[in-house]
Amino acid sequence: MDFKKINAPVTTETYNRNNIDQQTENLYEAISIISRRAEQINTEMRKELIEKLEEFATYNDSLEEIFENKEQIEVSKFYERLPKPHAIAVQEWLKENVYFRNTEEDTQE
């Protein structure tokens, strides 16, 4: 996922409840789907951040020699400024970019 191209809100926004539950006709189901997607996004973001920070890692045995790596700081600041995973998940949900299915309906058929 390219986090640079995401234009989700960085601050808290109020959404119309009818827009949230429009796809499922059940608010709680919609929130459950959004929360699962937010967990997936959070996992992706964390994995990508750790990979980028490990590129700059220096392994020293001495505790006295701790260097502040400017590249690490810049990468960390970039990820701090990104929209939160739940905001990205809500935006994807409202744009109908989230695939979901009801497994209970699949087993009944």
N, C-alpha and C. Protein backbone atom coordinates (compact mmCIF):
# COMPACT_ATOMS: atom_id res chain seq x y z
N MET A 1 0.84 -1.17 0.00
CA MET A 1 0.00 0.00 0.00
C MET A 1 0.89 1.23 0.00
N ASP A 2 0.59 2.18 -0.85
CA ASP A 2 1.36 3.40 -0.93
C ASP A 2 0.73 4.44 -0.02
N PHE A 3 1.35 4.69 1.11
CA PHE A 3 0.78 5.59 2.10
C PHE A 3 0.92 7.05 1.71
N LYS A 4 1.77 7.35 0.73
CA LYS A 4 1.93 8.74 0.29
C LYS A 4 0.71 9.24 -0.47
N LYS A 5 0.00 8.33 -1.11
CA LYS A 5 -1.14 8.72 -1.94
C LYS A 5 -2.46 8.75 -1.19
N ILE A 6 -2.44 8.42 0.08
CA ILE A 6 -3.67 8.38 0.86
C ILE A 6 -4.06 9.79 1.27
N ASN A 7 -5.32 10.13 1.06
CA ASN A 7 -5.78 11.45 1.45
C ASN A 7 -6.88 11.37 2.52
N ALA A 8 -6.74 10.41 3.42
CA ALA A 8 -7.68 10.27 4.53
C ALA A 8 -7.44 11.42 5.51
N PRO A 9 -8.46 11.78 6.26
CA PRO A 9 -8.29 12.89 7.21
C PRO A 9 -7.35 12.52 8.34
N VAL A 10 -6.54 13.49 8.75
CA VAL A 10 -5.60 13.27 9.83
C VAL A 10 -6.27 13.53 11.18
N THR A 11 -7.26 14.39 11.19
CA THR A 11 -7.98 14.70 12.41
C THR A 11 -9.30 13.93 12.46
N THR A 12 -9.97 14.00 13.58
CA THR A 12 -11.23 13.30 13.77
C THR A 12 -12.32 13.96 12.95
N GLU A 13 -13.14 13.14 12.30
CA GLU A 13 -14.27 13.63 11.53
C GLU A 13 -15.54 12.93 11.97
N THR A 14 -16.65 13.61 11.80
CA THR A 14 -17.95 13.02 12.09
C THR A 14 -18.55 12.55 10.77
N TYR A 15 -19.04 11.30 10.79
CA TYR A 15 -19.63 10.73 9.58
C TYR A 15 -21.11 10.51 9.80
N ASN A 16 -21.85 10.54 8.71
CA ASN A 16 -23.28 10.25 8.77
C ASN A 16 -23.45 8.74 8.96
N ARG A 17 -24.21 8.39 9.96
CA ARG A 17 -24.44 6.97 10.28
C ARG A 17 -25.04 6.23 9.10
N ASN A 18 -25.90 6.89 8.36
CA ASN A 18 -26.55 6.25 7.21
C ASN A 18 -25.55 5.90 6.11
N ASN A 19 -24.50 6.69 5.98
CA ASN A 19 -23.47 6.38 4.99
C ASN A 19 -22.63 5.19 5.42
N ILE A 20 -22.42 5.06 6.72
CA ILE A 20 -21.60 3.96 7.24
C ILE A 20 -22.30 2.62 7.04
N ASP A 21 -23.59 2.54 7.40
CA ASP A 21 -24.27 1.25 7.33
C ASP A 21 -25.03 1.01 6.02
N GLN A 22 -24.77 1.82 5.03
CA GLN A 22 -25.46 1.70 3.75
C GLN A 22 -25.17 0.37 3.06
N GLN A 23 -23.93 -0.12 3.10
CA GLN A 23 -23.58 -1.34 2.38
C GLN A 23 -24.10 -2.61 3.05
N THR A 24 -24.16 -2.61 4.38
CA THR A 24 -24.55 -3.82 5.09
C THR A 24 -25.93 -3.74 5.70
N GLU A 25 -26.47 -2.53 5.81
CA GLU A 25 -27.74 -2.27 6.47
C GLU A 25 -27.70 -2.65 7.95
N ASN A 26 -26.51 -2.73 8.50
CA ASN A 26 -26.33 -3.04 9.91
C ASN A 26 -25.10 -2.27 10.38
N LEU A 27 -25.31 -1.32 11.28
CA LEU A 27 -24.22 -0.46 11.73
C LEU A 27 -23.13 -1.25 12.43
N TYR A 28 -23.50 -2.21 13.27
CA TYR A 28 -22.51 -2.97 14.03
C TYR A 28 -21.66 -3.86 13.11
N GLU A 29 -22.28 -4.41 12.10
CA GLU A 29 -21.53 -5.22 11.14
C GLU A 29 -20.56 -4.34 10.36
N ALA A 30 -21.00 -3.16 9.97
CA ALA A 30 -20.13 -2.24 9.24
C ALA A 30 -18.94 -1.82 10.09
N ILE A 31 -19.19 -1.53 11.35
CA ILE A 31 -18.10 -1.13 12.25
C ILE A 31 -17.14 -2.30 12.45
N SER A 32 -17.65 -3.50 12.54
CA SER A 32 -16.80 -4.67 12.70
C SER A 32 -15.90 -4.85 11.48
N ILE A 33 -16.45 -4.68 10.30
CA ILE A 33 -15.66 -4.81 9.07
C ILE A 33 -14.60 -3.72 9.00
N ILE A 34 -14.98 -2.50 9.35
CA ILE A 34 -14.03 -1.38 9.33
C ILE A 34 -12.91 -1.62 10.32
N SER A 35 -13.24 -2.14 11.49
CA SER A 35 -12.19 -2.37 12.50
C SER A 35 -11.23 -3.46 12.06
N ARG A 36 -11.73 -4.49 11.40
CA ARG A 36 -10.84 -5.54 10.89
C ARG A 36 -9.91 -4.99 9.82
N ARG A 37 -10.45 -4.15 8.96
CA ARG A 37 -9.62 -3.53 7.93
C ARG A 37 -8.57 -2.61 8.56
N ALA A 38 -8.95 -1.88 9.60
CA ALA A 38 -8.00 -1.00 10.28
C ALA A 38 -6.86 -1.80 10.89
N GLU A 39 -7.16 -2.98 11.43
CA GLU A 39 -6.12 -3.85 11.97
C GLU A 39 -5.16 -4.30 10.87
N GLN A 40 -5.71 -4.63 9.69
CA GLN A 40 -4.86 -5.03 8.57
C GLN A 40 -3.94 -3.89 8.15
N ILE A 41 -4.49 -2.69 8.06
CA ILE A 41 -3.71 -1.52 7.66
C ILE A 41 -2.62 -1.24 8.69
N ASN A 42 -2.98 -1.34 9.96
CA ASN A 42 -2.02 -1.10 11.03
C ASN A 42 -0.87 -2.10 10.96
N THR A 43 -1.18 -3.34 10.68
CA THR A 43 -0.14 -4.37 10.55
C THR A 43 0.79 -4.06 9.38
N GLU A 44 0.21 -3.64 8.25
CA GLU A 44 1.02 -3.28 7.09
C GLU A 44 1.93 -2.10 7.40
N MET A 45 1.38 -1.07 8.05
CA MET A 45 2.15 0.12 8.37
C MET A 45 3.30 -0.22 9.33
N ARG A 46 3.01 -1.01 10.34
CA ARG A 46 4.02 -1.36 11.32
C ARG A 46 5.14 -2.18 10.68
N LYS A 47 4.76 -3.12 9.81
CA LYS A 47 5.76 -3.96 9.14
C LYS A 47 6.66 -3.10 8.25
N GLU A 48 6.06 -2.20 7.51
CA GLU A 48 6.83 -1.34 6.61
C GLU A 48 7.75 -0.41 7.41
N LEU A 49 7.27 0.14 8.50
CA LEU A 49 8.08 1.02 9.33
C LEU A 49 9.27 0.28 9.92
N ILE A 50 9.04 -0.91 10.43
CA ILE A 50 10.13 -1.68 11.02
C ILE A 50 11.18 -2.02 9.97
N GLU A 51 10.74 -2.38 8.76
CA GLU A 51 11.68 -2.69 7.69
C GLU A 51 12.54 -1.48 7.35
N LYS A 52 11.92 -0.30 7.28
CA LYS A 52 12.68 0.90 6.94
C LYS A 52 13.63 1.30 8.05
N LEU A 53 13.20 1.14 9.31
CA LEU A 53 14.08 1.51 10.42
C LEU A 53 15.25 0.54 10.56
N GLU A 54 15.05 -0.71 10.19
CA GLU A 54 16.14 -1.68 10.28
C GLU A 54 17.25 -1.40 9.27
N GLU A 55 16.93 -0.70 8.20
CA GLU A 55 17.95 -0.33 7.22
C GLU A 55 18.99 0.60 7.84
N PHE A 56 18.55 1.42 8.81
CA PHE A 56 19.45 2.40 9.41
C PHE A 56 20.01 1.94 10.75
N ALA A 57 19.65 0.75 11.16
CA ALA A 57 20.06 0.27 12.49
C ALA A 57 21.56 0.04 12.55
N THR A 58 22.14 0.46 13.65
CA THR A 58 23.54 0.18 13.93
C THR A 58 23.58 -0.61 15.23
N TYR A 59 24.33 -1.67 15.21
CA TYR A 59 24.38 -2.56 16.37
C TYR A 59 25.68 -2.35 17.11
N ASN A 60 25.57 -1.73 18.27
CA ASN A 60 26.73 -1.50 19.13
C ASN A 60 26.47 -2.15 20.48
N ASP A 61 27.54 -2.69 21.06
CA ASP A 61 27.41 -3.31 22.36
C ASP A 61 27.50 -2.28 23.49
N SER A 62 28.02 -1.13 23.19
CA SER A 62 28.22 -0.12 24.21
C SER A 62 26.96 0.75 24.35
N LEU A 63 26.51 0.91 25.55
CA LEU A 63 25.34 1.75 25.80
C LEU A 63 25.70 3.23 25.76
N GLU A 64 26.98 3.53 25.91
CA GLU A 64 27.41 4.92 25.91
C GLU A 64 27.38 5.53 24.52
N GLU A 65 27.52 4.71 23.51
CA GLU A 65 27.57 5.21 22.14
C GLU A 65 26.21 5.06 21.46
N ILE A 66 25.34 5.97 21.75
CA ILE A 66 24.04 5.98 21.11
C ILE A 66 24.01 7.19 20.17
N PHE A 67 23.84 6.89 18.91
CA PHE A 67 23.83 7.95 17.91
C PHE A 67 22.40 8.17 17.43
N GLU A 68 22.05 9.42 17.26
CA GLU A 68 20.75 9.74 16.68
C GLU A 68 20.92 9.79 15.17
N ASN A 69 20.29 8.88 14.51
CA ASN A 69 20.37 8.81 13.07
C ASN A 69 19.28 9.70 12.48
N LYS A 70 19.66 10.69 11.69
CA LYS A 70 18.70 11.65 11.15
C LYS A 70 17.72 10.98 10.20
N GLU A 71 18.17 9.98 9.47
CA GLU A 71 17.28 9.28 8.54
C GLU A 71 16.19 8.54 9.30
N GLN A 72 16.57 7.91 10.42
CA GLN A 72 15.58 7.21 11.24
C GLN A 72 14.54 8.18 11.78
N ILE A 73 14.99 9.34 12.20
CA ILE A 73 14.08 10.34 12.75
C ILE A 73 13.12 10.82 11.67
N GLU A 74 13.61 11.04 10.47
CA GLU A 74 12.75 11.49 9.37
C GLU A 74 11.71 10.43 9.01
N VAL A 75 12.12 9.17 8.97
CA VAL A 75 11.18 8.09 8.66
C VAL A 75 10.11 8.01 9.74
N SER A 76 10.52 8.12 10.98
CA SER A 76 9.56 8.06 12.09
C SER A 76 8.58 9.22 12.03
N LYS A 77 9.08 10.41 11.73
CA LYS A 77 8.20 11.58 11.64
C LYS A 77 7.21 11.43 10.48
N PHE A 78 7.65 10.84 9.37
CA PHE A 78 6.76 10.62 8.24
C PHE A 78 5.59 9.73 8.65
N TYR A 79 5.88 8.65 9.35
CA TYR A 79 4.83 7.73 9.76
C TYR A 79 3.93 8.32 10.84
N GLU A 80 4.47 9.22 11.65
CA GLU A 80 3.65 9.88 12.66
C GLU A 80 2.65 10.83 12.02
N ARG A 81 3.01 11.43 10.89
CA ARG A 81 2.12 12.38 10.22
C ARG A 81 1.05 11.73 9.36
N LEU A 82 1.18 10.44 9.12
CA LEU A 82 0.19 9.74 8.30
C LEU A 82 -1.16 9.68 9.00
N PRO A 83 -2.24 9.55 8.24
CA PRO A 83 -3.54 9.33 8.88
C PRO A 83 -3.53 8.01 9.64
N LYS A 84 -4.33 7.94 10.67
CA LYS A 84 -4.40 6.74 11.49
C LYS A 84 -5.09 5.62 10.70
N PRO A 85 -4.79 4.37 11.02
CA PRO A 85 -5.37 3.24 10.29
C PRO A 85 -6.89 3.22 10.27
N HIS A 86 -7.52 3.64 11.37
CA HIS A 86 -8.99 3.64 11.37
C HIS A 86 -9.56 4.68 10.42
N ALA A 87 -8.87 5.80 10.25
CA ALA A 87 -9.34 6.83 9.31
C ALA A 87 -9.21 6.33 7.87
N ILE A 88 -8.12 5.62 7.59
CA ILE A 88 -7.93 5.06 6.25
C ILE A 88 -9.00 4.00 5.98
N ALA A 89 -9.28 3.16 6.98
CA ALA A 89 -10.28 2.10 6.82
C ALA A 89 -11.66 2.68 6.58
N VAL A 90 -12.02 3.73 7.29
CA VAL A 90 -13.34 4.36 7.10
C VAL A 90 -13.43 4.95 5.70
N GLN A 91 -12.37 5.60 5.26
CA GLN A 91 -12.37 6.17 3.92
C GLN A 91 -12.53 5.09 2.86
N GLU A 92 -11.81 3.98 3.01
CA GLU A 92 -11.94 2.88 2.06
C GLU A 92 -13.35 2.31 2.09
N TRP A 93 -13.95 2.22 3.26
CA TRP A 93 -15.30 1.69 3.40
C TRP A 93 -16.31 2.60 2.69
N LEU A 94 -16.18 3.89 2.88
CA LEU A 94 -17.13 4.83 2.27
C LEU A 94 -16.99 4.87 0.75
N LYS A 95 -15.78 4.62 0.25
CA LYS A 95 -15.57 4.57 -1.20
C LYS A 95 -15.85 3.19 -1.78
N GLU A 96 -16.30 2.28 -0.91
CA GLU A 96 -16.63 0.90 -1.28
C GLU A 96 -15.44 0.16 -1.88
N ASN A 97 -14.26 0.36 -1.28
CA ASN A 97 -13.05 -0.31 -1.71
C ASN A 97 -12.71 -1.51 -0.83
N VAL A 98 -13.60 -1.86 0.09
CA VAL A 98 -13.36 -2.98 1.00
C VAL A 98 -14.23 -4.14 0.58
N TYR A 99 -13.60 -5.28 0.33
CA TYR A 99 -14.35 -6.48 -0.01
C TYR A 99 -14.72 -7.20 1.28
N PHE A 100 -15.97 -7.57 1.41
CA PHE A 100 -16.40 -8.32 2.57
C PHE A 100 -17.48 -9.30 2.14
N ARG A 101 -17.66 -10.33 2.95
CA ARG A 101 -18.74 -11.29 2.69
C ARG A 101 -19.20 -11.83 4.03
N ASN A 102 -20.43 -12.26 4.07
CA ASN A 102 -21.00 -12.81 5.28
C ASN A 102 -20.83 -14.33 5.23
N THR A 103 -20.01 -14.86 6.10
CA THR A 103 -19.74 -16.29 6.07
C THR A 103 -20.92 -17.12 6.55
N GLU A 104 -21.81 -16.54 7.34
CA GLU A 104 -22.99 -17.26 7.78
C GLU A 104 -23.92 -17.54 6.61
N GLU A 105 -24.04 -16.61 5.68
CA GLU A 105 -24.86 -16.82 4.50
C GLU A 105 -24.24 -17.86 3.59
N ASP A 106 -22.90 -17.92 3.54
CA ASP A 106 -22.21 -18.89 2.69
C ASP A 106 -22.44 -20.32 3.19
N THR A 107 -22.48 -20.51 4.51
CA THR A 107 -22.65 -21.87 5.05
C THR A 107 -24.08 -22.35 4.95
N GLN A 108 -25.05 -21.46 4.88
CA GLN A 108 -26.45 -21.85 4.80
C GLN A 108 -26.82 -22.32 3.40
N GLU A 109 -26.09 -21.89 2.40
CA GLU A 109 -26.44 -22.23 1.02
C GLU A 109 -26.04 -23.60 0.63
